[in-house]
Amino acid sequence: MQEYSVLLIEDNPGDARLVHEMLSDAAGDSFRLHTADCLVAGLDALANGKFDVALVDLSLPDSNGL
């Protein structure tokens, strides 16, 4: 079993909780979830940490989508 480090950039606490629950229920591999509630905080986390994947809300208040 492998552990993956996931950065979730999401400003809606309910959506962040849903992603956390979905990853917790995944069979097989495990996921260590790190969250940021805005793009600036997410970019800071990316600059200072190592993540296998980043999941990004495209409608963050401090970004322009894609």
Protein backbone atom coordinates (compact mmCIF):
# COMPACT_ATOMS: atom_id res chain seq x y z
CA MET A 1 0.00 0.00 0.00
CA GLN A 2 1.28 3.46 -0.89
CA GLU A 3 0.50 6.78 0.74
CA TYR A 4 -0.15 9.81 -1.45
CA SER A 5 0.15 13.40 -0.33
CA VAL A 6 -2.79 15.45 -1.65
CA LEU A 7 -3.13 19.23 -1.58
CA LEU A 8 -6.74 20.37 -1.75
CA ILE A 9 -7.28 24.05 -2.52
CA GLU A 10 -10.95 24.61 -1.71
CA ASP A 11 -12.75 27.53 -0.07
CA ASN A 12 -15.98 25.65 0.75
CA PRO A 13 -15.61 23.66 4.01
CA GLY A 14 -18.44 21.31 2.99
CA ASP A 15 -16.76 20.44 -0.30
CA ALA A 16 -13.42 19.97 1.46
CA ARG A 17 -15.07 17.61 3.95
CA LEU A 18 -16.66 15.64 1.09
CA VAL A 19 -13.28 15.18 -0.64
CA HIS A 20 -11.75 14.12 2.68
CA GLU A 21 -14.50 11.53 3.19
CA MET A 22 -14.14 10.21 -0.36
CA LEU A 23 -10.39 9.78 0.03
CA SER A 24 -10.85 8.15 3.43
CA ASP A 25 -13.23 5.60 1.89
CA ALA A 26 -10.88 4.73 -0.99
CA ALA A 27 -9.79 1.11 -0.98
CA GLY A 28 -6.13 0.20 -1.23
CA ASP A 29 -3.82 3.22 -1.10
CA SER A 30 -4.00 5.86 1.62
CA PHE A 31 -4.11 9.62 1.25
CA ARG A 32 -2.69 12.35 3.46
CA LEU A 33 -4.84 15.40 2.79
CA HIS A 34 -3.55 18.95 3.23
CA THR A 35 -5.97 21.82 2.68
CA ALA A 36 -5.73 25.47 1.74
CA ASP A 37 -8.75 27.77 1.57
CA CYS A 38 -7.49 30.16 -1.12
CA LEU A 39 -5.15 30.14 -4.09
CA VAL A 40 -2.47 32.21 -2.35
CA ALA A 41 -2.32 29.74 0.57
CA GLY A 42 -2.28 26.83 -1.87
CA LEU A 43 0.59 28.28 -3.87
CA ASP A 44 2.49 28.87 -0.62
CA ALA A 45 1.90 25.22 0.38
CA LEU A 46 3.15 24.07 -3.03
CA ALA A 47 6.28 26.19 -2.70
CA ASN A 48 7.05 24.79 0.75
CA GLY A 49 5.92 21.18 0.51
CA LYS A 50 5.93 18.10 -1.67
CA PHE A 51 2.62 16.79 -2.97
CA ASP A 52 1.76 13.95 -5.32
CA VAL A 53 -1.35 15.71 -6.57
CA ALA A 54 -3.16 19.02 -6.17
CA LEU A 55 -6.94 19.30 -6.43
CA VAL A 56 -7.98 22.89 -7.12
CA ASP A 57 -11.40 24.51 -6.99
CA LEU A 58 -11.76 26.51 -10.21
CA SER A 59 -13.99 29.14 -8.60
CA LEU A 60 -11.79 30.40 -5.79
CA PRO A 61 -12.43 34.03 -4.82
CA ASP A 62 -8.79 35.02 -5.36
CA SER A 63 -8.30 33.39 -8.78
CA ASN A 64 -9.60 33.52 -12.35
CA GLY A 65 -10.44 29.86 -12.94
CA LEU A 66 -8.15 28.13 -15.40
